[in-house]
C-alpha atoms as a PDB file:
ATOM      1  CA  MET A   1      17.303   0.520  11.467  1.00  0.00           C
ATOM      2  CA  SER A   2      17.613   4.158  10.423  1.00  0.00           C
ATOM      3  CA  LEU A   3      14.906   5.743   8.274  1.00  0.00           C
ATOM      4  CA  GLU A   4      17.072   5.358   5.181  1.00  0.00           C
ATOM      5  CA  GLN A   5      17.716   1.706   6.016  1.00  0.00           C
ATOM      6  CA  VAL A   6      13.965   1.156   6.357  1.00  0.00           C
ATOM      7  CA  LYS A   7      13.413   2.624   2.895  1.00  0.00           C
ATOM      8  CA  ALA A   8      16.243   0.560   1.418  1.00  0.00           C
ATOM      9  CA  ARG A   9      14.666  -2.566   2.888  1.00  0.00           C
ATOM     10  CA  HIS A  10      11.277  -1.681   1.415  1.00  0.00           C
ATOM     11  CA  ARG A  11      12.858  -0.951  -1.968  1.00  0.00           C
ATOM     12  CA  LEU A  12      14.385  -4.432  -1.931  1.00  0.00           C
ATOM     13  CA  ALA A  13      11.332  -6.239  -0.539  1.00  0.00           C
ATOM     14  CA  TRP A  14       8.771  -4.775  -2.929  1.00  0.00           C
ATOM     15  CA  GLY A  15      10.991  -5.473  -5.925  1.00  0.00           C
ATOM     16  CA  LEU A  16      11.800  -9.098  -5.086  1.00  0.00           C
ATOM     17  CA  ASP A  17       9.048 -10.965  -6.948  1.00  0.00           C
ATOM     18  CA  VAL A  18       6.476  -8.620  -8.426  1.00  0.00           C
ATOM     19  CA  GLU A  19       4.851 -11.375 -10.484  1.00  0.00           C
ATOM     20  CA  SER A  20       4.016 -13.429  -7.387  1.00  0.00           C
ATOM     21  CA  TYR A  21       2.868 -10.352  -5.516  1.00  0.00           C
ATOM     22  CA  VAL A  22       0.450  -9.425  -8.293  1.00  0.00           C
ATOM     23  CA  ARG A  23      -0.789 -12.997  -8.677  1.00  0.00           C
ATOM     24  CA  HIS A  24      -1.565 -13.340  -4.978  1.00  0.00           C
ATOM     25  CA  THR A  25      -2.582  -9.801  -4.098  1.00  0.00           C
ATOM     26  CA  ALA A  26      -4.183  -7.910  -6.977  1.00  0.00           C
ATOM     27  CA  SER A  27      -7.571  -9.578  -6.568  1.00  0.00           C
ATOM     28  CA  GLU A  28      -7.613  -8.690  -2.858  1.00  0.00           C
ATOM     29  CA  ILE A  29      -6.519  -5.056  -2.825  1.00  0.00           C
ATOM     30  CA  GLY A  30      -7.710  -4.193  -6.330  1.00  0.00           C
ATOM     31  CA  PRO A  31     -11.295  -3.574  -5.140  1.00  0.00           C
ATOM     32  CA  VAL A  32      -9.920  -1.283  -2.416  1.00  0.00           C
ATOM     33  CA  GLY A  33      -8.061   0.641  -5.110  1.00  0.00           C
ATOM     34  CA  GLU A  34     -11.336   1.051  -7.011  1.00  0.00           C
ATOM     35  CA  ARG A  35     -13.093   2.271  -3.869  1.00  0.00           C
ATOM     36  CA  LEU A  36     -10.171   4.572  -3.053  1.00  0.00           C
ATOM     37  CA  VAL A  37     -10.526   6.297  -6.417  1.00  0.00           C
ATOM     38  CA  GLU A  38     -14.259   6.699  -5.853  1.00  0.00           C
ATOM     39  CA  VAL A  39     -13.573   8.350  -2.497  1.00  0.00           C
ATOM     40  CA  ALA A  40     -10.814  10.571  -3.936  1.00  0.00           C
ATOM     41  CA  ASP A  41     -13.220  11.532  -6.744  1.00  0.00           C
ATOM     42  CA  PRO A  42     -10.865  13.005  -9.371  1.00  0.00           C
ATOM     43  CA  ALA A  43     -12.687  14.903 -12.096  1.00  0.00           C
ATOM     44  CA  TRP A  44     -12.626  14.065 -15.806  1.00  0.00           C
ATOM     45  CA  ASN A  45      -9.338  15.350 -17.287  1.00  0.00           C
ATOM     46  CA  ALA A  46      -7.809  15.757 -13.785  1.00  0.00           C
ATOM     47  CA  ALA A  47      -4.142  15.236 -12.919  1.00  0.00           C
ATOM     48  CA  VAL A  48      -3.572  12.534 -10.287  1.00  0.00           C
ATOM     49  CA  ILE A  49      -0.422  11.361  -8.496  1.00  0.00           C
ATOM     50  CA  ASP A  50      -0.354   7.843  -7.013  1.00  0.00           C
ATOM     51  CA  LEU A  51       2.220   7.624  -4.222  1.00  0.00           C
ATOM     52  CA  GLY A  52       3.686   4.174  -3.587  1.00  0.00           C
ATOM     53  CA  CYS A  53       1.739   2.997  -6.621  1.00  0.00           C
ATOM     54  CA  GLY A  54       3.004  -0.595  -6.661  1.00  0.00           C
ATOM     55  CA  PRO A  55       1.732  -2.457  -9.747  1.00  0.00           C
ATOM     56  CA  GLY A  56      -1.020   0.110 -10.333  1.00  0.00           C
ATOM     57  CA  THR A  57      -3.967  -1.181  -8.280  1.00  0.00           C
ATOM     58  CA  ALA A  58      -5.213   2.405  -7.864  1.00  0.00           C
ATOM     59  CA  SER A  59      -3.390   4.039 -10.785  1.00  0.00           C
ATOM     60  CA  PHE A  60      -5.389   2.193 -13.430  1.00  0.00           C
ATOM     61  CA  PRO A  61      -8.883   2.868 -12.062  1.00  0.00           C
ATOM     62  CA  ALA A  62      -7.788   6.491 -11.625  1.00  0.00           C
ATOM     63  CA  ALA A  63      -6.618   6.611 -15.241  1.00  0.00           C
ATOM     64  CA  ARG A  64      -9.949   5.281 -16.461  1.00  0.00           C
ATOM     65  CA  ARG A  65     -11.799   7.801 -14.306  1.00  0.00           C
ATOM     66  CA  VAL A  66      -9.892  10.881 -15.537  1.00  0.00           C
ATOM     67  CA  GLY A  67     -10.064   9.728 -19.154  1.00  0.00           C
ATOM     68  CA  PRO A  68      -7.583  10.100 -22.021  1.00  0.00           C
ATOM     69  CA  GLY A  69      -7.371  13.852 -21.483  1.00  0.00           C
ATOM     70  CA  GLY A  70      -6.332  13.393 -17.855  1.00  0.00           C
ATOM     71  CA  ARG A  71      -3.026  12.308 -16.370  1.00  0.00           C
ATOM     72  CA  VAL A  72      -2.021   9.804 -13.704  1.00  0.00           C
ATOM     73  CA  VAL A  73       1.570   9.629 -12.496  1.00  0.00           C
ATOM     74  CA  GLY A  74       2.503   6.633 -10.363  1.00  0.00           C
ATOM     75  CA  ILE A  75       5.563   6.875  -8.116  1.00  0.00           C
ATOM     76  CA  ASP A  76       7.207   3.920  -6.363  1.00  0.00           C
ATOM     77  CA  LEU A  77      10.512   3.171  -4.652  1.00  0.00           C
ATOM     78  CA  ALA A  78      10.885  -0.231  -6.343  1.00  0.00           C
ATOM     79  CA  PRO A  79      12.024  -0.114  -9.998  1.00  0.00           C
ATOM     80  CA  ALA A  80      10.553  -3.577 -10.619  1.00  0.00           C
ATOM     81  CA  MET A  81       7.113  -2.373  -9.531  1.00  0.00           C
ATOM     82  CA  VAL A  82       7.376   0.638 -11.827  1.00  0.00           C
ATOM     83  CA  ALA A  83       8.406  -1.558 -14.761  1.00  0.00           C
ATOM     84  CA  TRP A  84       5.451  -3.877 -14.138  1.00  0.00           C
ATOM     85  CA  ALA A  85       3.014  -0.953 -13.955  1.00  0.00           C
ATOM     86  CA  GLU A  86       4.401   0.503 -17.206  1.00  0.00           C
ATOM     87  CA  ARG A  87       3.903  -2.804 -19.033  1.00  0.00           C
ATOM     88  CA  SER A  88       0.392  -3.142 -17.630  1.00  0.00           C
ATOM     89  CA  ALA A  89      -0.529   0.396 -18.695  1.00  0.00           C
ATOM     90  CA  THR A  90       0.653  -0.343 -22.228  1.00  0.00           C
ATOM     91  CA  ALA A  91      -1.292  -3.617 -22.320  1.00  0.00           C
ATOM     92  CA  GLN A  92      -4.473  -1.800 -21.222  1.00  0.00           C
ATOM     93  CA  GLY A  93      -3.980   1.096 -23.631  1.00  0.00           C
ATOM     94  CA  LEU A  94      -3.894   3.607 -20.780  1.00  0.00           C
ATOM     95  CA  THR A  95      -1.549   6.147 -22.336  1.00  0.00           C
ATOM     96  CA  GLN A  96      -2.570   8.719 -19.693  1.00  0.00           C
ATOM     97  CA  ALA A  97      -0.917   6.576 -16.968  1.00  0.00           C
ATOM     98  CA  LEU A  98       2.800   7.232 -16.525  1.00  0.00           C
ATOM     99  CA  PHE A  99       5.165   5.762 -13.945  1.00  0.00           C
ATOM    100  CA  ALA A 100       8.503   6.682 -12.411  1.00  0.00           C
ATOM    101  CA  VAL A 101      10.820   5.528  -9.655  1.00  0.00           C
ATOM    102  CA  GLY A 102      10.576   7.980  -6.783  1.00  0.00           C
ATOM    103  CA  ASP A 103      10.271   8.573  -3.064  1.00  0.00           C
ATOM    104  CA  ALA A 104       6.986   9.823  -1.589  1.00  0.00           C
ATOM    105  CA  GLU A 105       9.001  11.600   1.105  1.00  0.00           C
ATOM    106  CA  ASN A 106      11.003  13.573  -1.453  1.00  0.00           C
ATOM    107  CA  LEU A 107       9.143  14.617  -4.607  1.00  0.00           C
ATOM    108  CA  SER A 108      11.705  17.281  -5.439  1.00  0.00           C
ATOM    109  CA  GLU A 109      11.201  16.929  -9.191  1.00  0.00           C
ATOM    110  CA  VAL A 110       7.461  17.637  -8.884  1.00  0.00           C
ATOM    111  CA  PRO A 111       6.502  21.339  -8.933  1.00  0.00           C
ATOM    112  CA  ASP A 112       4.255  22.825  -6.261  1.00  0.00           C
ATOM    113  CA  GLY A 113       0.539  22.512  -7.026  1.00  0.00           C
ATOM    114  CA  GLU A 114       1.056  20.162  -9.962  1.00  0.00           C
ATOM    115  CA  PHE A 115      -1.835  17.767  -9.235  1.00  0.00           C
ATOM    116  CA  ASP A 116      -5.537  17.907  -8.509  1.00  0.00           C
ATOM    117  CA  VAL A 117      -5.656  14.673  -6.482  1.00  0.00           C
ATOM    118  CA  ALA A 118      -3.198  12.396  -4.693  1.00  0.00           C
ATOM    119  CA  ILE A 119      -3.944   8.748  -3.898  1.00  0.00           C
ATOM    120  CA  SER A 120      -2.155   5.812  -2.281  1.00  0.00           C
ATOM    121  CA  ASN A 121      -3.456   2.252  -2.016  1.00  0.00           C
ATOM    122  CA  PHE A 122      -1.602   0.746   0.965  1.00  0.00           C
ATOM    123  CA  GLY A 123       1.537   2.488  -0.300  1.00  0.00           C
ATOM    124  CA  VAL A 124       2.663   5.510   1.718  1.00  0.00           C
ATOM    125  CA  ILE A 125       1.819   3.718   4.972  1.00  0.00           C
ATOM    126  CA  PHE A 126       5.282   2.185   4.568  1.00  0.00           C
ATOM    127  CA  ALA A 127       7.056   5.572   4.423  1.00  0.00           C
ATOM    128  CA  PRO A 128       9.058   5.812   7.665  1.00  0.00           C
ATOM    129  CA  ASP A 129       8.884   9.628   7.865  1.00  0.00           C
ATOM    130  CA  ALA A 130       5.149  10.275   7.889  1.00  0.00           C
ATOM    131  CA  THR A 131       5.581  14.007   8.466  1.00  0.00           C
ATOM    132  CA  ARG A 132       7.693  14.471   5.348  1.00  0.00           C
ATOM    133  CA  MET A 133       5.382  12.309   3.266  1.00  0.00           C
ATOM    134  CA  VAL A 134       2.261  14.249   4.292  1.00  0.00           C
ATOM    135  CA  GLY A 135       4.075  17.533   3.650  1.00  0.00           C
ATOM    136  CA  GLU A 136       5.092  16.467   0.161  1.00  0.00           C
ATOM    137  CA  ALA A 137       1.607  15.180  -0.666  1.00  0.00           C
ATOM    138  CA  ALA A 138       0.153  18.554   0.339  1.00  0.00           C
ATOM    139  CA  ARG A 139       2.832  20.527  -1.524  1.00  0.00           C
ATOM    140  CA  VAL A 140       2.268  18.882  -4.909  1.00  0.00           C
ATOM    141  CA  LEU A 141      -1.504  19.407  -4.742  1.00  0.00           C
ATOM    142  CA  LYS A 142      -3.393  22.453  -5.938  1.00  0.00           C
ATOM    143  CA  PRO A 143      -5.307  24.431  -3.284  1.00  0.00           C
ATOM    144  CA  GLY A 144      -8.384  22.394  -2.428  1.00  0.00           C
ATOM    145  CA  GLY A 145      -6.822  19.219  -3.833  1.00  0.00           C
ATOM    146  CA  ALA A 146      -7.736  15.917  -2.191  1.00  0.00           C
ATOM    147  CA  PHE A 147      -5.467  13.206  -0.787  1.00  0.00           C
ATOM    148  CA  ALA A 148      -6.941   9.748  -0.213  1.00  0.00           C
ATOM    149  CA  LEU A 149      -5.075   6.734   1.136  1.00  0.00           C
ATOM    150  CA  SER A 150      -5.944   3.257   2.351  1.00  0.00           C
ATOM    151  CA  VAL A 151      -4.588   1.835   5.613  1.00  0.00           C
ATOM    152  CA  TRP A 152      -4.729  -1.525   7.346  1.00  0.00           C
ATOM    153  CA  ILE A 153      -6.376  -1.662  10.765  1.00  0.00           C
ATOM    154  CA  PRO A 154      -4.239  -3.820  13.104  1.00  0.00           C
ATOM    155  CA  VAL A 155      -6.966  -6.082  14.480  1.00  0.00           C
ATOM    156  CA  GLY A 156      -7.808  -9.729  13.913  1.00  0.00           C
ATOM    157  CA  VAL A 157      -5.759 -11.508  11.267  1.00  0.00           C
ATOM    158  CA  VAL A 158      -3.937  -8.301  10.318  1.00  0.00           C
ATOM    159  CA  ALA A 159      -2.638  -8.018  13.890  1.00  0.00           C
ATOM    160  CA  GLU A 160      -1.677 -11.695  13.958  1.00  0.00           C
ATOM    161  CA  MET A 161       0.321 -11.379  10.749  1.00  0.00           C
ATOM    162  CA  LEU A 162       2.029  -8.207  11.902  1.00  0.00           C
ATOM    163  CA  GLU A 163       3.050  -9.939  15.118  1.00  0.00           C
ATOM    164  CA  VAL A 164       4.734 -12.716  13.142  1.00  0.00           C
ATOM    165  CA  LEU A 165       6.470 -10.210  10.865  1.00  0.00           C
ATOM    166  CA  ALA A 166       7.715  -8.116  13.791  1.00  0.00           C
ATOM    167  CA  SER A 167       9.222 -11.192  15.411  1.00  0.00           C
ATOM    168  CA  ILE A 168      11.521 -11.826  12.418  1.00  0.00           C
ATOM    169  CA  SER A 169      12.283  -8.273  11.245  1.00  0.00           C
ATOM    170  CA  PRO A 170      14.811  -5.695  12.495  1.00  0.00           C
ATOM    171  CA  SER A 171      13.216  -2.897  14.492  1.00  0.00           C
ATOM    172  CA  PRO A 172      13.106   0.618  12.990  1.00  0.00           C
ATOM    173  CA  GLU A 173      14.557   3.489  14.951  1.00  0.00           C
ATOM    174  CA  PRO A 174      12.277   5.108  17.530  1.00  0.00           C
ATOM    175  CA  GLY A 175       9.873   7.572  15.949  1.00  0.00           C
ATOM    176  CA  ALA A 176       9.730   5.866  12.566  1.00  0.00           C
ATOM    177  CA  ALA A 177       6.198   5.413  11.238  1.00  0.00           C
ATOM    178  CA  THR A 178       5.155   1.819  10.616  1.00  0.00           C
ATOM    179  CA  SER A 179       2.445   0.540   8.310  1.00  0.00           C
ATOM    180  CA  GLU A 180       0.346  -0.737  11.202  1.00  0.00           C
ATOM    181  CA  SER A 181       0.508   2.557  13.106  1.00  0.00           C
ATOM    182  CA  TRP A 182      -1.598   4.227  10.393  1.00  0.00           C
ATOM    183  CA  GLY A 183      -4.516   2.020  11.381  1.00  0.00           C
ATOM    184  CA  GLU A 184      -4.394   2.779  15.084  1.00  0.00           C
ATOM    185  CA  PRO A 185      -7.266   4.947  16.410  1.00  0.00           C
ATOM    186  CA  GLY A 186      -6.851   8.602  15.446  1.00  0.00           C
ATOM    187  CA  VAL A 187      -3.279   8.278  14.152  1.00  0.00           C
ATOM    188  CA  ALA A 188      -4.011   8.754  10.436  1.00  0.00           C
ATOM    189  CA  GLU A 189      -6.250  11.718  11.144  1.00  0.00           C
ATOM    190  CA  GLU A 190      -3.611  13.354  13.342  1.00  0.00           C
ATOM    191  CA  ARG A 191      -0.835  12.888  10.792  1.00  0.00           C
ATOM    192  CA  LEU A 192      -2.919  14.162   7.910  1.00  0.00           C
ATOM    193  CA  SER A 193      -4.126  17.205   9.842  1.00  0.00           C
ATOM    194  CA  ALA A 194      -0.701  18.835   9.412  1.00  0.00           C
ATOM    195  CA  GLY A 195      -1.501  19.496   5.756  1.00  0.00           C
ATOM    196  CA  PHE A 196      -5.157  18.611   5.278  1.00  0.00           C
ATOM    197  CA  GLU A 197      -8.578  19.449   6.631  1.00  0.00           C
ATOM    198  CA  HIS A 198     -12.104  18.014   6.356  1.00  0.00           C
ATOM    199  CA  ILE A 199     -10.627  14.555   6.950  1.00  0.00           C
ATOM    200  CA  ALA A 200     -13.166  11.764   6.454  1.00  0.00           C
ATOM    201  CA  ARG A 201     -12.830   8.049   7.116  1.00  0.00           C
ATOM    202  CA  THR A 202     -14.463   5.191   5.193  1.00  0.00           C
ATOM    203  CA  GLU A 203     -14.291   1.659   6.606  1.00  0.00           C
ATOM    204  CA  VAL A 204     -13.648  -1.173   4.125  1.00  0.00           C
ATOM    205  CA  GLU A 205     -13.146  -4.918   4.346  1.00  0.00           C
ATOM    206  CA  VAL A 206     -10.881  -7.207   2.347  1.00  0.00           C
ATOM    207  CA  SER A 207     -12.268 -10.738   2.152  1.00  0.00           C
ATOM    208  CA  CYS A 208      -9.695 -13.500   1.844  1.00  0.00           C
ATOM    209  CA  ASP A 209     -10.575 -17.042   0.755  1.00  0.00           C
ATOM    210  CA  TYR A 210      -7.957 -19.718   0.074  1.00  0.00           C
ATOM    211  CA  PRO A 211      -8.672 -23.344  -0.907  1.00  0.00           C
ATOM    212  CA  SER A 212      -6.409 -24.727   1.832  1.00  0.00           C
ATOM    213  CA  VAL A 213      -3.914 -23.919   4.554  1.00  0.00           C
ATOM    214  CA  ASP A 214      -1.165 -24.753   2.044  1.00  0.00           C
ATOM    215  CA  VAL A 215      -2.402 -22.065  -0.353  1.00  0.00           C
ATOM    216  CA  ALA A 216      -2.845 -19.542   2.461  1.00  0.00           C
ATOM    217  CA  TRP A 217       0.754 -20.162   3.534  1.00  0.00           C
ATOM    218  CA  GLN A 218       1.964 -19.786  -0.057  1.00  0.00           C
ATOM    219  CA  ARG A 219       0.117 -16.465  -0.240  1.00  0.00           C
ATOM    220  CA  MET A 220       1.826 -15.348   2.961  1.00  0.00           C
ATOM    221  CA  ARG A 221       5.270 -16.469   1.769  1.00  0.00           C
ATOM    222  CA  GLU A 222       5.070 -15.066  -1.762  1.00  0.00           C
ATOM    223  CA  GLY A 223       2.460 -12.321  -1.670  1.00  0.00           C
ATOM    224  CA  ARG A 224       3.561 -10.213   1.292  1.00  0.00           C
ATOM    225  CA  PRO A 225       6.946  -8.731   0.303  1.00  0.00           C
ATOM    226  CA  PRO A 226       8.134  -7.536   3.768  1.00  0.00           C
ATOM    227  CA  PHE A 227       7.431 -11.013   5.130  1.00  0.00           C
ATOM    228  CA  ALA A 228       9.028 -12.713   2.111  1.00  0.00           C
ATOM    229  CA  LEU A 229      12.247 -10.752   2.606  1.00  0.00           C
ATOM    230  CA  ALA A 230      12.438 -11.347   6.348  1.00  0.00           C
ATOM    231  CA  TYR A 231      11.514 -15.027   6.064  1.00  0.00           C
ATOM    232  CA  GLY A 232      13.980 -15.631   3.249  1.00  0.00           C
ATOM    233  CA  ARG A 233      16.867 -14.418   5.409  1.00  0.00           C
ATOM    234  CA  LEU A 234      16.116 -16.738   8.327  1.00  0.00           C
ATOM    235  CA  PRO A 235      18.182 -19.861   9.091  1.00  0.00           C
ATOM    236  CA  ALA A 236      16.463 -23.155   8.309  1.00  0.00           C
ATOM    237  CA  ASP A 237      15.402 -23.970  11.853  1.00  0.00           C
ATOM    238  CA  GLN A 238      13.741 -20.582  12.328  1.00  0.00           C
ATOM    239  CA  LYS A 239      11.988 -20.902   8.982  1.00  0.00           C
ATOM    240  CA  THR A 240      10.474 -24.174  10.204  1.00  0.00           C
ATOM    241  CA  ASP A 241       9.224 -22.524  13.394  1.00  0.00           C
ATOM    242  CA  VAL A 242       7.767 -19.501  11.573  1.00  0.00           C
ATOM    243  CA  GLU A 243       6.021 -21.681   8.999  1.00  0.00           C
ATOM    244  CA  ALA A 244       4.486 -23.755  11.801  1.00  0.00           C
ATOM    245  CA  ARG A 245       3.208 -20.566  13.510  1.00  0.00           C
ATOM    246  CA  CYS A 246       1.670 -19.295  10.304  1.00  0.00           C
ATOM    247  CA  ARG A 247       0.048 -22.599   9.436  1.00  0.00           C
ATOM    248  CA  GLU A 248      -1.481 -22.786  12.898  1.00  0.00           C
ATOM    249  CA  MET A 249      -2.816 -19.249  12.462  1.00  0.00           C
ATOM    250  CA  PHE A 250      -4.459 -20.213   9.176  1.00  0.00           C
ATOM    251  CA  ARG A 251      -5.881 -23.441  10.635  1.00  0.00           C
ATOM    252  CA  ARG A 252      -7.744 -21.313  13.187  1.00  0.00           C
ATOM    253  CA  HIS A 253      -9.546 -19.661  10.280  1.00  0.00           C
ATOM    254  CA  ALA A 254     -10.284 -22.847   8.345  1.00  0.00           C
ATOM    255  CA  VAL A 255     -13.881 -23.905   7.728  1.00  0.00           C
ATOM    256  CA  PRO A 256     -15.213 -27.489   7.376  1.00  0.00           C
ATOM    257  CA  ASP A 257     -14.594 -27.656   3.615  1.00  0.00           C
ATOM    258  CA  GLY A 258     -10.902 -26.908   4.181  1.00  0.00           C
ATOM    259  CA  HIS A 259     -10.972 -23.355   2.896  1.00  0.00           C
ATOM    260  CA  VAL A 260      -9.231 -20.637   4.902  1.00  0.00           C
ATOM    261  CA  ARG A 261     -11.526 -17.625   5.136  1.00  0.00           C
ATOM    262  CA  TYR A 262     -11.074 -14.376   7.004  1.00  0.00           C
ATOM    263  CA  VAL A 263     -11.589 -10.635   6.654  1.00  0.00           C
ATOM    264  CA  ARG A 264      -8.858  -8.005   6.848  1.00  0.00           C
ATOM    265  CA  GLU A 265     -10.151  -4.682   8.102  1.00  0.00           C
ATOM    266  CA  ALA A 266      -8.991  -1.464   6.471  1.00  0.00           C
ATOM    267  CA  ALA A 267      -9.984   2.169   6.089  1.00  0.00           C
ATOM    268  CA  ILE A 268      -9.757   4.913   3.488  1.00  0.00           C
ATOM    269  CA  LEU A 269      -8.868   8.413   4.705  1.00  0.00           C
ATOM    270  CA  ARG A 270      -9.557  11.484   2.599  1.00  0.00           C
ATOM    271  CA  GLY A 271      -8.484  15.040   3.341  1.00  0.00           C
ATOM    272  CA  VAL A 272      -8.501  18.359   1.500  1.00  0.00           C
ATOM    273  CA  ARG A 273      -5.308  20.398   1.243  1.00  0.00           C
ATOM    274  CA  ARG A 274      -5.214  23.355   3.573  1.00  0.00           C
ATOM    275  CA  ASP A 275      -4.957  26.719   1.786  1.00  0.00           C
END
């Protein structure tokens, strides 16, 4: 797939079933969003841009941190995600949180130096052109502005899931950044160094606990949009095989009471815009 085809696929995947995604995922990555905002450390009344904001898992804690006199602008490729985030902001009374459909690789409508802080909670790791994304994040920040993003580390269960996804998804063109590549040793730091300095890394863990293998499989099928899209396009016989592989993976992490428990490793990277 070309870079534009990758983005079109993400736009479709992340807009398929936002309700299911939020139901399955918000409780898992929400705490990472909270920690991400702590690491980014926007000041009271600051202006923050959330790139690949999804349903607002980092936008809303950022909005509460900057207060009613601040501003948080969430940008996402998927219109359905943006619509969900807008409704959630209204329900929470967070009038300082605004959302728009947009591309983190091309923020042409955003002036240079518009924001104090940029954040992304497992969002921009899906941008296929990492160089353009980092350049745009740096451009829209004021001198000395911070950019903090969370990334998955491809070990353990994360690696197992990525292996299943790769086996049923079309391959991107050579050179395209993938979500898992951000978690490989030194890769995030190298990419960010083009526009940022004083890059620091904070390790985090995402604990997952499901009542049964059935629930863990449902979470996989409904709560991971790239997998949901790829799985949904498979013929019936391949779906059966993939489901069997996933169920076996979850059984390996089952404990005597039937629960499926595992930890997904992640990291938060923070850099300061180069002058």
